[in-house]
All heavy atoms as atom14 arrays in JSON, in Angstrom:
{
  "sequence": "GDKTLLEVLKELSLEGKVMAAAVNMEIVKQDAWDKCRLNDGDKL",
  "atom14_mask": [
    [1, 1, 1, 1, 0, 0, 0, 0, 0, 0, 0, 0, 0, 0],
    [1, 1, 1, 1, 1, 1, 1, 1, 0, 0, 0, 0, 0, 0],
    [1, 1, 1, 1, 1, 1, 1, 1, 1, 0, 0, 0, 0, 0],
    [1, 1, 1, 1, 1, 1, 1, 0, 0, 0, 0, 0, 0, 0],
    [1, 1, 1, 1, 1, 1, 1, 1, 0, 0, 0, 0, 0, 0],
    [1, 1, 1, 1, 1, 1, 1, 1, 0, 0, 0, 0, 0, 0],
    [1, 1, 1, 1, 1, 1, 1, 1, 1, 0, 0, 0, 0, 0],
    [1, 1, 1, 1, 1, 1, 1, 0, 0, 0, 0, 0, 0, 0],
    [1, 1, 1, 1, 1, 1, 1, 1, 0, 0, 0, 0, 0, 0],
    [1, 1, 1, 1, 1, 1, 1, 1, 1, 0, 0, 0, 0, 0],
    [1, 1, 1, 1, 1, 1, 1, 1, 1, 0, 0, 0, 0, 0],
    [1, 1, 1, 1, 1, 1, 1, 1, 0, 0, 0, 0, 0, 0],
    [1, 1, 1, 1, 1, 1, 0, 0, 0, 0, 0, 0, 0, 0],
    [1, 1, 1, 1, 1, 1, 1, 1, 0, 0, 0, 0, 0, 0],
    [1, 1, 1, 1, 1, 1, 1, 1, 1, 0, 0, 0, 0, 0],
    [1, 1, 1, 1, 0, 0, 0, 0, 0, 0, 0, 0, 0, 0],
    [1, 1, 1, 1, 1, 1, 1, 1, 1, 0, 0, 0, 0, 0],
    [1, 1, 1, 1, 1, 1, 1, 0, 0, 0, 0, 0, 0, 0],
    [1, 1, 1, 1, 1, 1, 1, 1, 0, 0, 0, 0, 0, 0],
    [1, 1, 1, 1, 1, 0, 0, 0, 0, 0, 0, 0, 0, 0],
    [1, 1, 1, 1, 1, 0, 0, 0, 0, 0, 0, 0, 0, 0],
    [1, 1, 1, 1, 1, 0, 0, 0, 0, 0, 0, 0, 0, 0],
    [1, 1, 1, 1, 1, 1, 1, 0, 0, 0, 0, 0, 0, 0],
    [1, 1, 1, 1, 1, 1, 1, 1, 0, 0, 0, 0, 0, 0],
    [1, 1, 1, 1, 1, 1, 1, 1, 0, 0, 0, 0, 0, 0],
    [1, 1, 1, 1, 1, 1, 1, 1, 1, 0, 0, 0, 0, 0],
    [1, 1, 1, 1, 1, 1, 1, 1, 0, 0, 0, 0, 0, 0],
    [1, 1, 1, 1, 1, 1, 1, 0, 0, 0, 0, 0, 0, 0],
    [1, 1, 1, 1, 1, 1, 1, 1, 1, 0, 0, 0, 0, 0],
    [1, 1, 1, 1, 1, 1, 1, 1, 1, 0, 0, 0, 0, 0],
    [1, 1, 1, 1, 1, 1, 1, 1, 0, 0, 0, 0, 0, 0],
    [1, 1, 1, 1, 1, 0, 0, 0, 0, 0, 0, 0, 0, 0],
    [1, 1, 1, 1, 1, 1, 1, 1, 1, 1, 1, 1, 1, 1],
    [1, 1, 1, 1, 1, 1, 1, 1, 0, 0, 0, 0, 0, 0],
    [1, 1, 1, 1, 1, 1, 1, 1, 1, 0, 0, 0, 0, 0],
    [1, 1, 1, 1, 1, 1, 0, 0, 0, 0, 0, 0, 0, 0],
    [1, 1, 1, 1, 1, 1, 1, 1, 1, 1, 1, 0, 0, 0],
    [1, 1, 1, 1, 1, 1, 1, 1, 0, 0, 0, 0, 0, 0],
    [1, 1, 1, 1, 1, 1, 1, 1, 0, 0, 0, 0, 0, 0],
    [1, 1, 1, 1, 1, 1, 1, 1, 0, 0, 0, 0, 0, 0],
    [1, 1, 1, 1, 0, 0, 0, 0, 0, 0, 0, 0, 0, 0],
    [1, 1, 1, 1, 1, 1, 1, 1, 0, 0, 0, 0, 0, 0],
    [1, 1, 1, 1, 1, 1, 1, 1, 1, 0, 0, 0, 0, 0],
    [1, 1, 1, 1, 1, 1, 1, 1, 0, 0, 0, 0, 0, 0]
  ],
  "atom14_positions": [
    [[26.24, 42.05, 5.59], [26.22, 43.02, 6.69], [25.26, 42.67, 7.8], [24.6, 41.64, 7.79], [0.0, 0.0, 0.0], [0.0, 0.0, 0.0], [0.0, 0.0, 0.0], [0.0, 0.0, 0.0], [0.0, 0.0, 0.0], [0.0, 0.0, 0.0], [0.0, 0.0, 0.0], [0.0, 0.0, 0.0], [0.0, 0.0, 0.0], [0.0, 0.0, 0.0]],
    [[25.22, 43.57, 8.79], [24.31, 43.41, 9.92], [22.9, 43.75, 9.49], [22.69, 44.66, 8.69], [24.73, 44.32, 11.07], [26.06, 43.91, 11.69], [26.43, 42.73, 11.57], [26.71, 44.77, 12.3], [0.0, 0.0, 0.0], [0.0, 0.0, 0.0], [0.0, 0.0, 0.0], [0.0, 0.0, 0.0], [0.0, 0.0, 0.0], [0.0, 0.0, 0.0]],
    [[21.94, 43.04, 10.04], [20.53, 43.25, 9.68], [19.67, 43.21, 10.92], [19.98, 42.54, 11.9], [20.04, 42.15, 8.73], [20.79, 42.01, 7.44], [20.3, 42.98, 6.42], [21.01, 42.73, 5.1], [21.07, 43.88, 4.28], [0.0, 0.0, 0.0], [0.0, 0.0, 0.0], [0.0, 0.0, 0.0], [0.0, 0.0, 0.0], [0.0, 0.0, 0.0]],
    [[18.53, 43.9, 10.82], [17.48, 43.73, 11.81], [16.5, 42.7, 11.25], [16.53, 42.38, 10.05], [16.72, 45.04, 12.08], [16.04, 45.43, 10.88], [17.65, 46.15, 12.56], [0.0, 0.0, 0.0], [0.0, 0.0, 0.0], [0.0, 0.0, 0.0], [0.0, 0.0, 0.0], [0.0, 0.0, 0.0], [0.0, 0.0, 0.0], [0.0, 0.0, 0.0]],
    [[15.63, 42.24, 12.11], [14.61, 41.29, 11.66], [13.76, 41.92, 10.56], [13.48, 41.27, 9.54], [13.74, 40.88, 12.86], [12.6, 39.92, 12.58], [13.06, 38.66, 11.88], [11.88, 39.58, 13.88], [0.0, 0.0, 0.0], [0.0, 0.0, 0.0], [0.0, 0.0, 0.0], [0.0, 0.0, 0.0], [0.0, 0.0, 0.0], [0.0, 0.0, 0.0]],
    [[13.38, 43.17, 10.71], [12.56, 43.83, 9.7], [13.3, 43.94, 8.37], [12.72, 43.71, 7.3], [12.13, 45.22, 10.19], [11.2, 45.98, 9.25], [9.91, 45.21, 9.0], [10.9, 47.36, 9.81], [0.0, 0.0, 0.0], [0.0, 0.0, 0.0], [0.0, 0.0, 0.0], [0.0, 0.0, 0.0], [0.0, 0.0, 0.0], [0.0, 0.0, 0.0]],
    [[14.58, 44.25, 8.4], [15.36, 44.34, 7.16], [15.42, 42.99, 6.43], [15.32, 42.94, 5.21], [16.78, 44.83, 7.46], [16.83, 46.29, 7.87], [18.17, 46.73, 8.41], [18.94, 45.89, 8.94], [18.46, 47.94, 8.31], [0.0, 0.0, 0.0], [0.0, 0.0, 0.0], [0.0, 0.0, 0.0], [0.0, 0.0, 0.0], [0.0, 0.0, 0.0]],
    [[15.55, 41.91, 7.18], [15.55, 40.57, 6.57], [14.2, 40.28, 5.94], [14.13, 39.78, 4.81], [15.93, 39.49, 7.62], [15.63, 38.1, 7.1], [17.4, 39.61, 7.98], [0.0, 0.0, 0.0], [0.0, 0.0, 0.0], [0.0, 0.0, 0.0], [0.0, 0.0, 0.0], [0.0, 0.0, 0.0], [0.0, 0.0, 0.0], [0.0, 0.0, 0.0]],
    [[13.11, 40.61, 6.63], [11.78, 40.37, 6.08], [11.58, 41.16, 4.79], [11.03, 40.64, 3.81], [10.7, 40.74, 7.1], [10.65, 39.85, 8.34], [9.61, 40.37, 9.31], [10.36, 38.41, 7.97], [0.0, 0.0, 0.0], [0.0, 0.0, 0.0], [0.0, 0.0, 0.0], [0.0, 0.0, 0.0], [0.0, 0.0, 0.0], [0.0, 0.0, 0.0]],
    [[12.04, 42.41, 4.76], [11.93, 43.23, 3.55], [12.76, 42.64, 2.41], [12.3, 42.57, 1.27], [12.37, 44.66, 3.83], [11.37, 45.45, 4.63], [11.87, 46.86, 4.87], [10.85, 47.68, 5.64], [11.33, 49.05, 5.9], [0.0, 0.0, 0.0], [0.0, 0.0, 0.0], [0.0, 0.0, 0.0], [0.0, 0.0, 0.0], [0.0, 0.0, 0.0]],
    [[13.98, 42.19, 2.74], [14.86, 41.62, 1.72], [14.28, 40.34, 1.12], [14.49, 40.05, -0.05], [16.23, 41.34, 2.33], [17.34, 41.34, 1.33], [18.72, 41.42, 1.96], [18.98, 42.37, 2.73], [19.53, 40.52, 1.66], [0.0, 0.0, 0.0], [0.0, 0.0, 0.0], [0.0, 0.0, 0.0], [0.0, 0.0, 0.0], [0.0, 0.0, 0.0]],
    [[13.53, 39.59, 1.93], [12.91, 38.35, 1.46], [11.5, 38.58, 0.9], [10.81, 37.63, 0.56], [12.83, 37.33, 2.61], [14.17, 36.84, 3.15], [13.96, 35.99, 4.4], [14.93, 36.06, 2.09], [0.0, 0.0, 0.0], [0.0, 0.0, 0.0], [0.0, 0.0, 0.0], [0.0, 0.0, 0.0], [0.0, 0.0, 0.0], [0.0, 0.0, 0.0]],
    [[11.09, 39.85, 0.82], [9.74, 40.22, 0.35], [8.65, 39.57, 1.19], [7.62, 39.14, 0.67], [9.56, 39.85, -1.13], [10.51, 40.54, -1.91], [0.0, 0.0, 0.0], [0.0, 0.0, 0.0], [0.0, 0.0, 0.0], [0.0, 0.0, 0.0], [0.0, 0.0, 0.0], [0.0, 0.0, 0.0], [0.0, 0.0, 0.0], [0.0, 0.0, 0.0]],
    [[8.88, 39.49, 2.48], [7.91, 38.88, 3.39], [7.24, 39.89, 4.32], [6.37, 39.52, 5.1], [8.6, 37.8, 4.25], [9.09, 36.58, 3.49], [9.84, 35.63, 4.42], [7.93, 35.86, 2.83], [0.0, 0.0, 0.0], [0.0, 0.0, 0.0], [0.0, 0.0, 0.0], [0.0, 0.0, 0.0], [0.0, 0.0, 0.0], [0.0, 0.0, 0.0]],
    [[7.65, 41.14, 4.23], [7.04, 42.17, 5.07], [5.54, 42.23, 4.75], [5.15, 42.27, 3.61], [7.68, 43.52, 4.81], [7.17, 44.6, 5.72], [7.69, 45.97, 5.36], [8.22, 46.15, 4.25], [7.56, 46.85, 6.19], [0.0, 0.0, 0.0], [0.0, 0.0, 0.0], [0.0, 0.0, 0.0], [0.0, 0.0, 0.0], [0.0, 0.0, 0.0]],
    [[4.71, 42.2, 5.77], [3.27, 42.2, 5.58], [2.68, 40.82, 5.45], [1.48, 40.64, 5.57], [0.0, 0.0, 0.0], [0.0, 0.0, 0.0], [0.0, 0.0, 0.0], [0.0, 0.0, 0.0], [0.0, 0.0, 0.0], [0.0, 0.0, 0.0], [0.0, 0.0, 0.0], [0.0, 0.0, 0.0], [0.0, 0.0, 0.0], [0.0, 0.0, 0.0]],
    [[3.51, 39.8, 5.22], [3.03, 38.43, 5.1], [3.26, 37.63, 6.38], [2.53, 36.7, 6.67], [3.72, 37.72, 3.93], [3.41, 38.33, 2.59], [4.15, 37.63, 1.48], [3.87, 38.33, 0.15], [4.63, 37.75, -0.94], [0.0, 0.0, 0.0], [0.0, 0.0, 0.0], [0.0, 0.0, 0.0], [0.0, 0.0, 0.0], [0.0, 0.0, 0.0]],
    [[4.3, 37.98, 7.11], [4.64, 37.26, 8.35], [3.83, 37.84, 9.49], [3.78, 39.05, 9.7], [6.16, 37.37, 8.63], [6.5, 36.79, 9.99], [6.94, 36.66, 7.54], [0.0, 0.0, 0.0], [0.0, 0.0, 0.0], [0.0, 0.0, 0.0], [0.0, 0.0, 0.0], [0.0, 0.0, 0.0], [0.0, 0.0, 0.0], [0.0, 0.0, 0.0]],
    [[3.18, 36.97, 10.25], [2.36, 37.4, 11.37], [3.06, 37.23, 12.71], [2.75, 37.92, 13.66], [1.04, 36.61, 11.39], [0.24, 36.75, 10.11], [-0.2, 38.45, 9.71], [-1.37, 38.79, 10.97], [0.0, 0.0, 0.0], [0.0, 0.0, 0.0], [0.0, 0.0, 0.0], [0.0, 0.0, 0.0], [0.0, 0.0, 0.0], [0.0, 0.0, 0.0]],
    [[4.0, 36.29, 12.77], [4.72, 36.04, 14.01], [6.15, 35.63, 13.67], [6.4, 34.99, 12.65], [4.05, 34.92, 14.81], [0.0, 0.0, 0.0], [0.0, 0.0, 0.0], [0.0, 0.0, 0.0], [0.0, 0.0, 0.0], [0.0, 0.0, 0.0], [0.0, 0.0, 0.0], [0.0, 0.0, 0.0], [0.0, 0.0, 0.0], [0.0, 0.0, 0.0]],
    [[7.07, 36.04, 14.54], [8.48, 35.73, 14.31], [9.14, 35.37, 15.63], [8.85, 35.96, 16.67], [9.19, 36.91, 13.67], [0.0, 0.0, 0.0], [0.0, 0.0, 0.0], [0.0, 0.0, 0.0], [0.0, 0.0, 0.0], [0.0, 0.0, 0.0], [0.0, 0.0, 0.0], [0.0, 0.0, 0.0], [0.0, 0.0, 0.0], [0.0, 0.0, 0.0]],
    [[10.04, 34.4, 15.55], [10.84, 34.01, 16.71], [12.3, 33.97, 16.27], [12.62, 33.53, 15.17], [10.42, 32.65, 17.23], [0.0, 0.0, 0.0], [0.0, 0.0, 0.0], [0.0, 0.0, 0.0], [0.0, 0.0, 0.0], [0.0, 0.0, 0.0], [0.0, 0.0, 0.0], [0.0, 0.0, 0.0], [0.0, 0.0, 0.0], [0.0, 0.0, 0.0]],
    [[13.16, 34.46, 17.14], [14.61, 34.42, 16.92], [15.19, 33.57, 18.03], [15.03, 33.88, 19.21], [15.23, 35.84, 16.93], [16.74, 35.75, 16.76], [14.61, 36.7, 15.84], [0.0, 0.0, 0.0], [0.0, 0.0, 0.0], [0.0, 0.0, 0.0], [0.0, 0.0, 0.0], [0.0, 0.0, 0.0], [0.0, 0.0, 0.0], [0.0, 0.0, 0.0]],
    [[15.82, 32.46, 17.63], [16.39, 31.52, 18.6], [15.35, 31.11, 19.64], [15.61, 31.1, 20.84], [17.64, 32.1, 19.26], [18.72, 32.39, 18.23], [18.9, 31.65, 17.28], [19.4, 33.5, 18.4], [0.0, 0.0, 0.0], [0.0, 0.0, 0.0], [0.0, 0.0, 0.0], [0.0, 0.0, 0.0], [0.0, 0.0, 0.0], [0.0, 0.0, 0.0]],
    [[14.15, 30.79, 19.17], [13.04, 30.29, 19.98], [12.43, 31.34, 20.91], [11.64, 31.02, 21.77], [13.47, 29.06, 20.8], [13.99, 27.9, 19.95], [12.77, 27.28, 18.77], [11.67, 26.44, 19.87], [0.0, 0.0, 0.0], [0.0, 0.0, 0.0], [0.0, 0.0, 0.0], [0.0, 0.0, 0.0], [0.0, 0.0, 0.0], [0.0, 0.0, 0.0]],
    [[12.79, 32.62, 20.73], [12.22, 33.72, 21.52], [11.3, 34.53, 20.61], [11.75, 35.07, 19.6], [13.33, 34.63, 22.07], [14.28, 33.96, 23.02], [13.81, 34.03, 24.47], [13.04, 34.94, 24.81], [14.22, 33.15, 25.23], [0.0, 0.0, 0.0], [0.0, 0.0, 0.0], [0.0, 0.0, 0.0], [0.0, 0.0, 0.0], [0.0, 0.0, 0.0]],
    [[10.03, 34.64, 20.99], [9.09, 35.43, 20.2], [9.52, 36.9, 20.21], [9.88, 37.44, 21.25], [7.66, 35.31, 20.78], [7.17, 33.86, 20.72], [6.68, 36.25, 20.08], [6.91, 33.34, 19.34], [0.0, 0.0, 0.0], [0.0, 0.0, 0.0], [0.0, 0.0, 0.0], [0.0, 0.0, 0.0], [0.0, 0.0, 0.0], [0.0, 0.0, 0.0]],
    [[9.47, 37.52, 19.03], [9.77, 38.95, 18.9], [8.47, 39.62, 18.46], [7.93, 39.3, 17.41], [10.89, 39.21, 17.88], [11.17, 40.7, 17.75], [12.15, 38.45, 18.25], [0.0, 0.0, 0.0], [0.0, 0.0, 0.0], [0.0, 0.0, 0.0], [0.0, 0.0, 0.0], [0.0, 0.0, 0.0], [0.0, 0.0, 0.0], [0.0, 0.0, 0.0]],
    [[7.99, 40.56, 19.26], [6.75, 41.27, 18.93], [6.97, 42.13, 17.7], [8.05, 42.67, 17.48], [6.29, 42.12, 20.1], [5.87, 41.28, 21.28], [5.29, 42.15, 22.38], [4.85, 41.25, 23.54], [4.16, 42.02, 24.57], [0.0, 0.0, 0.0], [0.0, 0.0, 0.0], [0.0, 0.0, 0.0], [0.0, 0.0, 0.0], [0.0, 0.0, 0.0]],
    [[5.9, 42.27, 16.91], [5.99, 43.0, 15.63], [6.52, 44.41, 15.8], [7.29, 44.87, 14.95], [4.61, 43.06, 14.97], [4.56, 42.26, 13.71], [3.2, 42.29, 13.06], [2.18, 42.45, 13.71], [3.18, 42.12, 11.77], [0.0, 0.0, 0.0], [0.0, 0.0, 0.0], [0.0, 0.0, 0.0], [0.0, 0.0, 0.0], [0.0, 0.0, 0.0]],
    [[6.16, 45.09, 16.86], [6.62, 46.47, 17.01], [8.09, 46.56, 17.39], [8.66, 47.66, 17.45], [5.76, 47.23, 18.02], [5.77, 46.63, 19.42], [6.36, 45.55, 19.62], [5.18, 47.26, 20.32], [0.0, 0.0, 0.0], [0.0, 0.0, 0.0], [0.0, 0.0, 0.0], [0.0, 0.0, 0.0], [0.0, 0.0, 0.0], [0.0, 0.0, 0.0]],
    [[8.76, 45.41, 17.6], [10.19, 45.4, 17.92], [11.04, 44.84, 16.77], [12.26, 44.76, 16.89], [10.43, 44.57, 19.17], [0.0, 0.0, 0.0], [0.0, 0.0, 0.0], [0.0, 0.0, 0.0], [0.0, 0.0, 0.0], [0.0, 0.0, 0.0], [0.0, 0.0, 0.0], [0.0, 0.0, 0.0], [0.0, 0.0, 0.0], [0.0, 0.0, 0.0]],
    [[10.42, 44.48, 15.65], [11.16, 43.89, 14.54], [12.24, 44.83, 14.02], [13.31, 44.38, 13.62], [10.23, 43.5, 13.4], [9.36, 42.3, 13.71], [9.39, 41.54, 14.85], [8.35, 41.75, 12.88], [8.45, 40.55, 14.76], [7.79, 40.64, 13.57], [7.86, 42.08, 11.63], [6.78, 39.87, 13.03], [6.85, 41.31, 11.09], [6.31, 40.21, 11.78]],
    [[12.0, 46.13, 14.03], [12.99, 47.08, 13.51], [14.14, 47.31, 14.49], [15.16, 47.87, 14.13], [12.33, 48.41, 13.14], [11.7, 49.11, 14.33], [11.31, 48.44, 15.3], [11.59, 50.35, 14.28], [0.0, 0.0, 0.0], [0.0, 0.0, 0.0], [0.0, 0.0, 0.0], [0.0, 0.0, 0.0], [0.0, 0.0, 0.0], [0.0, 0.0, 0.0]],
    [[13.99, 46.84, 15.73], [15.03, 47.01, 16.75], [15.79, 45.71, 17.03], [16.81, 45.72, 17.7], [14.41, 47.52, 18.05], [13.75, 48.87, 17.92], [12.97, 49.2, 19.19], [11.92, 50.25, 18.97], [10.73, 49.8, 18.28], [0.0, 0.0, 0.0], [0.0, 0.0, 0.0], [0.0, 0.0, 0.0], [0.0, 0.0, 0.0], [0.0, 0.0, 0.0]],
    [[15.26, 44.6, 16.52], [15.83, 43.28, 16.8], [17.02, 43.03, 15.86], [16.86, 42.67, 14.7], [14.77, 42.21, 16.61], [15.37, 40.53, 16.9], [0.0, 0.0, 0.0], [0.0, 0.0, 0.0], [0.0, 0.0, 0.0], [0.0, 0.0, 0.0], [0.0, 0.0, 0.0], [0.0, 0.0, 0.0], [0.0, 0.0, 0.0], [0.0, 0.0, 0.0]],
    [[18.24, 43.21, 16.39], [19.47, 42.98, 15.61], [19.76, 41.49, 15.57], [19.72, 40.8, 16.6], [20.64, 43.7, 16.25], [20.56, 45.17, 16.08], [21.69, 45.67, 15.18], [21.38, 46.97, 14.67], [21.11, 47.24, 13.4], [21.17, 46.29, 12.51], [20.83, 48.44, 13.0], [0.0, 0.0, 0.0], [0.0, 0.0, 0.0], [0.0, 0.0, 0.0]],
    [[20.07, 41.0, 14.38], [20.35, 39.59, 14.2], [21.85, 39.35, 14.2], [22.63, 40.23, 13.82], [19.73, 39.1, 12.89], [18.21, 39.27, 12.81], [17.71, 38.9, 11.43], [17.51, 38.44, 13.88], [0.0, 0.0, 0.0], [0.0, 0.0, 0.0], [0.0, 0.0, 0.0], [0.0, 0.0, 0.0], [0.0, 0.0, 0.0], [0.0, 0.0, 0.0]],
    [[22.24, 38.15, 14.6], [23.65, 37.75, 14.65], [23.87, 36.54, 13.76], [22.95, 35.74, 13.52], [24.05, 37.4, 16.09], [23.9, 38.58, 17.02], [24.51, 39.61, 16.82], [23.06, 38.44, 18.02], [0.0, 0.0, 0.0], [0.0, 0.0, 0.0], [0.0, 0.0, 0.0], [0.0, 0.0, 0.0], [0.0, 0.0, 0.0], [0.0, 0.0, 0.0]],
    [[25.1, 36.38, 13.3], [25.47, 35.24, 12.48], [25.06, 33.95, 13.18], [25.34, 33.76, 14.36], [26.98, 35.25, 12.22], [27.39, 34.24, 11.18], [26.78, 34.24, 10.09], [28.31, 33.46, 11.46], [0.0, 0.0, 0.0], [0.0, 0.0, 0.0], [0.0, 0.0, 0.0], [0.0, 0.0, 0.0], [0.0, 0.0, 0.0], [0.0, 0.0, 0.0]],
    [[24.36, 33.07, 12.46], [23.95, 31.78, 13.0], [22.61, 31.78, 13.7], [22.15, 30.72, 14.14], [0.0, 0.0, 0.0], [0.0, 0.0, 0.0], [0.0, 0.0, 0.0], [0.0, 0.0, 0.0], [0.0, 0.0, 0.0], [0.0, 0.0, 0.0], [0.0, 0.0, 0.0], [0.0, 0.0, 0.0], [0.0, 0.0, 0.0], [0.0, 0.0, 0.0]],
    [[21.95, 32.94, 13.81], [20.63, 32.98, 14.44], [19.65, 32.11, 13.69], [19.72, 31.97, 12.47], [20.09, 34.41, 14.5], [20.63, 35.22, 15.66], [21.29, 34.63, 16.55], [20.4, 36.44, 15.68], [0.0, 0.0, 0.0], [0.0, 0.0, 0.0], [0.0, 0.0, 0.0], [0.0, 0.0, 0.0], [0.0, 0.0, 0.0], [0.0, 0.0, 0.0]],
    [[18.71, 31.54, 14.44], [17.65, 30.71, 13.86], [16.34, 31.47, 13.94], [15.9, 31.83, 15.03], [17.55, 29.38, 14.6], [18.78, 28.53, 14.41], [18.67, 27.22, 15.14], [19.96, 26.43, 14.95], [19.96, 25.17, 15.69], [0.0, 0.0, 0.0], [0.0, 0.0, 0.0], [0.0, 0.0, 0.0], [0.0, 0.0, 0.0], [0.0, 0.0, 0.0]],
    [[15.74, 31.72, 12.78], [14.47, 32.43, 12.7], [13.36, 31.48, 12.33], [13.54, 30.62, 11.46], [14.53, 33.52, 11.62], [15.22, 34.83, 11.96], [16.68, 34.63, 12.27], [15.04, 35.82, 10.85], [0.0, 0.0, 0.0], [0.0, 0.0, 0.0], [0.0, 0.0, 0.0], [0.0, 0.0, 0.0], [0.0, 0.0, 0.0], [0.0, 0.0, 0.0]]
  ]
}
């Protein structure tokens, strides 16, 4: 299914461990992880 960045981090048990995240070479601020919708083929 569709996921947000935060949902992926939770599923991988990485929530609280990751300090910085980029999606397709674009930095995503921590307070936007729950709003950042991911697409098939995205590079994190």
